[in-house]
Amino acid sequence: MKSKELSVDLQDRIVSRYREAEGYRKTSAAFKVPMSTVVSIIRKWKKFGTTRTLPRAGRPDNLSDRALVREVTKKPRVTLTELQHCSVEGGEPSRRTTTSASLHESGLYGRVARRKPLLSKRHKTARTCPQDSPEFAKRHLKDSQTMRNKILWSDETTIELFGLNAKRHVWRKPGTANHLANTIPTVKHGGGNIMLGCFSAAGTGRLVRVERKMNAAMYRDILEENLLQSTLDLRLG
């Protein structure tokens, strides 16, 4: 446990006693202070000419740093420019590099936000409750990675990105890329062309554009024509 720092007045008295040629041992006994502490105080006085606490080297940690962390934790998509405006309004203006360095020291880095389907509470419940959905996912939870590497998944969908179809950056810590606050939601929509594709652990397979209304027969034909070739291209065992 770190001991409590001695008062400046007591440290000055220790130095004064030492200057009277009392020596470390007698000074330690007189003030009931460990001799190692007396030695440390005297060395500091000899080197810097004072017993006052000296300023630390480097950029000091202050309340604005913690305020930045709170701000980006609450709003991961906030930009450096917006953070600078906040610091100016708070009376503590800082440079972009200083703001960025402060966040990096707290483990927060600017990364491109990943896109994930927007799932409502109803969607999530339907995919986890046994009475509403098949037990397929739970049955295969313990499958080996070798087994999973041999699976080719197929699906058809058309999605539309909320807002502009552009990259957005978020401030996040490593390992939190898929947290809800760090992703951009996507939803299905009724317009446009349907795309049917497949993927596996080895990569993505063929992508087929469906220009007319999809039915069961057409879906089977597309799978028969493209899944086998995709399997060969991806070299699934």
Protein backbone atom coordinates (compact mmCIF):
# COMPACT_ATOMS: atom_id res chain seq x y z
CA MET A 1 0.00 0.00 0.00
CA LYS A 2 1.29 3.45 -0.90
CA SER A 3 2.07 5.50 2.21
CA LYS A 4 0.68 8.99 2.72
CA GLU A 5 2.98 11.73 1.48
CA LEU A 6 4.59 13.83 4.22
CA SER A 7 3.59 17.47 4.52
CA VAL A 8 5.86 20.09 3.00
CA ASP A 9 6.42 21.59 6.46
CA LEU A 10 7.63 18.27 7.87
CA GLN A 11 9.90 17.69 4.89
CA ASP A 12 11.41 21.16 5.35
CA ARG A 13 12.07 20.39 9.03
CA ILE A 14 13.77 17.13 8.07
CA VAL A 15 16.04 19.03 5.66
CA SER A 16 16.79 21.66 8.32
CA ARG A 17 17.73 18.94 10.85
CA TYR A 18 19.94 17.24 8.27
CA ARG A 19 21.72 20.53 7.51
CA GLU A 20 22.58 20.81 11.20
CA ALA A 21 24.73 17.68 10.69
CA GLU A 22 22.36 15.40 12.57
CA GLY A 23 22.69 12.63 9.97
CA TYR A 24 20.06 10.31 8.50
CA ARG A 25 19.70 7.98 11.49
CA LYS A 26 19.22 10.72 14.14
CA THR A 27 16.85 12.69 11.87
CA SER A 28 14.79 9.54 11.29
CA ALA A 29 14.55 8.87 15.03
CA ALA A 30 13.71 12.49 15.87
CA PHE A 31 10.69 12.67 13.53
CA LYS A 32 9.75 8.95 13.71
CA VAL A 33 10.03 8.67 9.94
CA PRO A 34 11.61 5.68 8.12
CA MET A 35 15.24 6.34 7.28
CA SER A 36 14.58 5.45 3.62
CA THR A 37 12.05 8.32 3.51
CA VAL A 38 14.56 10.72 5.03
CA VAL A 39 17.18 9.67 2.46
CA SER A 40 14.67 10.19 -0.39
CA ILE A 41 13.71 13.68 0.86
CA ILE A 42 17.34 14.76 1.24
CA ARG A 43 18.28 13.45 -2.21
CA LYS A 44 15.37 15.35 -3.75
CA TRP A 45 16.39 18.54 -1.90
CA LYS A 46 20.04 18.18 -3.02
CA LYS A 47 19.02 17.63 -6.66
CA PHE A 48 16.23 20.21 -7.07
CA GLY A 49 16.79 22.58 -4.16
CA THR A 50 13.21 22.15 -2.92
CA THR A 51 10.92 19.67 -1.18
CA ARG A 52 7.84 20.75 -3.16
CA THR A 53 6.10 18.27 -5.44
CA LEU A 54 7.46 18.71 -8.96
CA PRO A 55 5.22 18.64 -12.07
CA ARG A 56 5.14 15.30 -13.91
CA ALA A 57 6.63 14.88 -17.35
CA GLY A 58 4.34 14.43 -20.35
CA ARG A 59 0.77 15.48 -21.02
CA PRO A 60 -1.21 15.57 -17.74
CA ASP A 61 -4.41 13.59 -17.33
CA ASN A 62 -7.30 15.98 -16.69
CA LEU A 63 -11.06 16.04 -16.49
CA SER A 64 -11.37 16.87 -20.21
CA ASP A 65 -9.87 13.46 -21.08
CA ARG A 66 -12.53 11.67 -19.06
CA ALA A 67 -15.20 13.90 -20.59
CA LEU A 68 -14.03 12.88 -24.08
CA VAL A 69 -14.29 9.20 -23.19
CA ARG A 70 -17.80 9.70 -21.81
CA GLU A 71 -18.81 11.58 -24.96
CA VAL A 72 -17.61 8.96 -27.46
CA THR A 73 -18.97 6.12 -25.31
CA LYS A 74 -22.38 7.80 -25.42
CA LYS A 75 -22.11 8.74 -29.13
CA PRO A 76 -19.60 6.43 -30.91
CA ARG A 77 -20.18 8.14 -34.29
CA VAL A 78 -19.14 11.60 -33.08
CA THR A 79 -16.38 13.13 -35.23
CA LEU A 80 -13.13 14.74 -34.13
CA THR A 81 -14.42 18.09 -35.38
CA GLU A 82 -17.51 17.79 -33.18
CA LEU A 83 -15.33 16.84 -30.21
CA GLN A 84 -13.20 19.92 -30.81
CA HIS A 85 -16.29 22.14 -30.78
CA CYS A 86 -17.31 20.56 -27.45
CA SER A 87 -13.86 21.26 -25.97
CA VAL A 88 -14.00 24.91 -27.11
CA GLU A 89 -17.47 25.34 -25.60
CA GLY A 90 -16.19 23.78 -22.38
CA GLY A 91 -13.35 26.29 -22.19
CA GLU A 92 -10.61 23.71 -22.87
CA PRO A 93 -9.78 23.94 -26.61
CA SER A 94 -7.47 21.25 -27.95
CA ARG A 95 -5.94 20.15 -31.26
CA ARG A 96 -7.25 17.22 -33.30
CA THR A 97 -4.03 15.28 -32.66
CA THR A 98 -4.30 15.88 -28.91
CA THR A 99 -7.94 14.76 -28.86
CA SER A 100 -7.15 11.66 -30.90
CA ALA A 101 -4.15 10.76 -28.71
CA SER A 102 -6.25 11.12 -25.58
CA LEU A 103 -8.83 8.67 -26.92
CA HIS A 104 -6.14 6.23 -28.01
CA GLU A 105 -4.71 6.21 -24.49
CA SER A 106 -8.16 5.14 -23.27
CA GLY A 107 -8.26 2.26 -25.79
CA LEU A 108 -10.69 3.96 -28.21
CA TYR A 109 -9.86 4.02 -31.94
CA GLY A 110 -11.64 5.32 -35.02
CA ARG A 111 -12.85 2.40 -37.14
CA VAL A 112 -15.25 1.95 -40.08
CA ALA A 113 -18.65 0.89 -38.72
CA ARG A 114 -19.79 -2.57 -39.78
CA ARG A 115 -23.20 -3.10 -41.34
CA LYS A 116 -25.64 -5.47 -39.67
CA PRO A 117 -29.31 -6.32 -40.37
CA LEU A 118 -31.66 -4.34 -38.17
CA LEU A 119 -33.48 -6.88 -35.98
CA SER A 120 -36.46 -5.96 -33.86
CA LYS A 121 -37.22 -7.65 -30.53
CA ARG A 122 -39.78 -9.81 -32.37
CA HIS A 123 -37.15 -10.96 -34.89
CA LYS A 124 -34.71 -11.91 -32.14
CA THR A 125 -37.36 -13.81 -30.17
CA ALA A 126 -38.47 -15.74 -33.26
CA ARG A 127 -34.91 -16.95 -33.79
CA THR A 128 -34.29 -18.13 -30.24
CA CYS A 129 -37.59 -19.58 -28.98
CA PRO A 130 -38.00 -23.33 -29.73
CA GLN A 131 -41.75 -23.00 -30.25
CA ASP A 132 -41.33 -20.35 -32.96
CA SER A 133 -38.33 -21.64 -34.92
CA PRO A 134 -36.44 -24.86 -35.77
CA GLU A 135 -33.65 -26.04 -33.47
CA PHE A 136 -31.15 -26.07 -36.33
CA ALA A 137 -28.74 -23.51 -34.87
CA LYS A 138 -28.72 -25.07 -31.40
CA ARG A 139 -28.18 -28.58 -32.78
CA HIS A 140 -25.04 -27.44 -34.59
CA LEU A 141 -23.49 -25.29 -31.87
CA LYS A 142 -20.90 -27.96 -31.06
CA ASP A 143 -19.95 -28.74 -34.66
CA SER A 144 -16.21 -28.78 -35.26
CA GLN A 145 -14.55 -26.08 -37.36
CA THR A 146 -13.69 -28.76 -39.93
CA MET A 147 -17.38 -29.54 -40.32
CA ARG A 148 -18.31 -25.87 -40.60
CA ASN A 149 -15.69 -25.36 -43.29
CA LYS A 150 -17.61 -27.80 -45.51
CA ILE A 151 -20.93 -25.92 -45.35
CA LEU A 152 -22.11 -23.72 -48.22
CA TRP A 153 -24.87 -21.28 -47.27
CA SER A 154 -27.28 -19.74 -49.77
CA ASP A 155 -29.71 -16.86 -49.38
CA GLU A 156 -31.58 -14.25 -51.37
CA THR A 157 -32.21 -10.68 -50.32
CA THR A 158 -32.16 -7.04 -51.30
CA ILE A 159 -31.10 -4.50 -48.70
CA GLU A 160 -31.04 -0.75 -48.42
CA LEU A 161 -28.72 1.21 -46.17
CA PHE A 162 -30.25 3.83 -43.88
CA GLY A 163 -29.13 7.26 -45.04
CA LEU A 164 -26.18 7.69 -47.39
CA ASN A 165 -24.49 4.61 -48.80
CA ALA A 166 -21.09 5.67 -47.49
CA LYS A 167 -18.61 4.56 -44.88
CA ARG A 168 -19.16 5.86 -41.36
CA HIS A 169 -16.53 5.81 -38.65
CA VAL A 170 -17.09 5.05 -34.98
CA TRP A 171 -14.92 5.29 -31.88
CA ARG A 172 -14.70 1.84 -30.30
CA LYS A 173 -12.43 -0.44 -28.32
CA PRO A 174 -10.88 -3.59 -29.85
CA GLY A 175 -13.29 -6.54 -29.87
CA THR A 176 -16.47 -4.40 -29.92
CA ALA A 177 -17.01 -4.16 -33.69
CA ASN A 178 -20.36 -5.98 -33.57
CA HIS A 179 -21.82 -4.13 -30.59
CA LEU A 180 -25.12 -2.54 -31.57
CA ALA A 181 -23.90 1.03 -30.99
CA ASN A 182 -20.90 0.46 -33.30
CA THR A 183 -22.81 -0.84 -36.33
CA ILE A 184 -24.94 0.61 -39.12
CA PRO A 185 -28.39 -1.06 -39.40
CA THR A 186 -29.67 -2.34 -42.75
CA VAL A 187 -33.23 -3.38 -43.69
CA LYS A 188 -34.91 -5.28 -46.50
CA HIS A 189 -37.08 -3.32 -48.91
CA GLY A 190 -39.58 -4.14 -51.61
CA GLY A 191 -38.02 -2.43 -54.61
CA GLY A 192 -35.11 -3.24 -56.92
CA ASN A 193 -33.73 -6.59 -58.07
CA ILE A 194 -33.37 -9.66 -55.87
CA MET A 195 -29.85 -11.03 -55.55
CA LEU A 196 -29.25 -14.69 -54.69
CA GLY A 197 -25.81 -15.77 -53.57
CA CYS A 198 -23.86 -18.21 -51.42
CA PHE A 199 -20.91 -18.16 -49.05
CA SER A 200 -18.76 -20.43 -46.92
CA ALA A 201 -15.74 -20.24 -44.62
CA ALA A 202 -13.58 -20.22 -47.78
CA GLY A 203 -15.26 -17.11 -49.22
CA THR A 204 -18.20 -16.06 -51.38
CA GLY A 205 -19.60 -18.01 -54.31
CA ARG A 206 -21.63 -16.95 -57.31
CA LEU A 207 -24.08 -14.04 -57.11
CA VAL A 208 -27.18 -14.36 -59.33
CA ARG A 209 -29.47 -11.50 -60.29
CA VAL A 210 -33.18 -12.38 -60.37
CA GLU A 211 -35.04 -9.97 -62.63
CA ARG A 212 -38.56 -11.36 -62.27
CA LYS A 213 -40.76 -12.69 -59.48
CA MET A 214 -39.12 -15.52 -57.57
CA ASN A 215 -40.94 -18.83 -57.06
CA ALA A 216 -39.94 -22.23 -55.70
CA ALA A 217 -39.17 -23.75 -59.12
CA MET A 218 -36.95 -20.84 -60.12
CA TYR A 219 -35.16 -20.96 -56.76
CA ARG A 220 -34.35 -24.67 -57.22
CA ASP A 221 -33.13 -24.12 -60.79
CA ILE A 222 -30.76 -21.35 -59.70
CA LEU A 223 -29.37 -23.52 -56.90
CA GLU A 224 -28.84 -26.49 -59.26
CA GLU A 225 -27.05 -24.32 -61.83
CA ASN A 226 -24.83 -22.35 -59.47
CA LEU A 227 -24.24 -24.13 -56.16
CA LEU A 228 -22.21 -26.99 -57.63
CA GLN A 229 -19.95 -24.60 -59.54
CA SER A 230 -19.55 -22.45 -56.42
CA THR A 231 -18.59 -25.56 -54.45
CA LEU A 232 -15.89 -26.38 -57.01
CA ASP A 233 -14.64 -22.78 -57.09
CA LEU A 234 -14.36 -22.68 -53.28
CA ARG A 235 -12.92 -26.21 -53.11
CA LEU A 236 -15.14 -27.39 -50.26
CA GLY A 237 -14.29 -30.88 -49.01
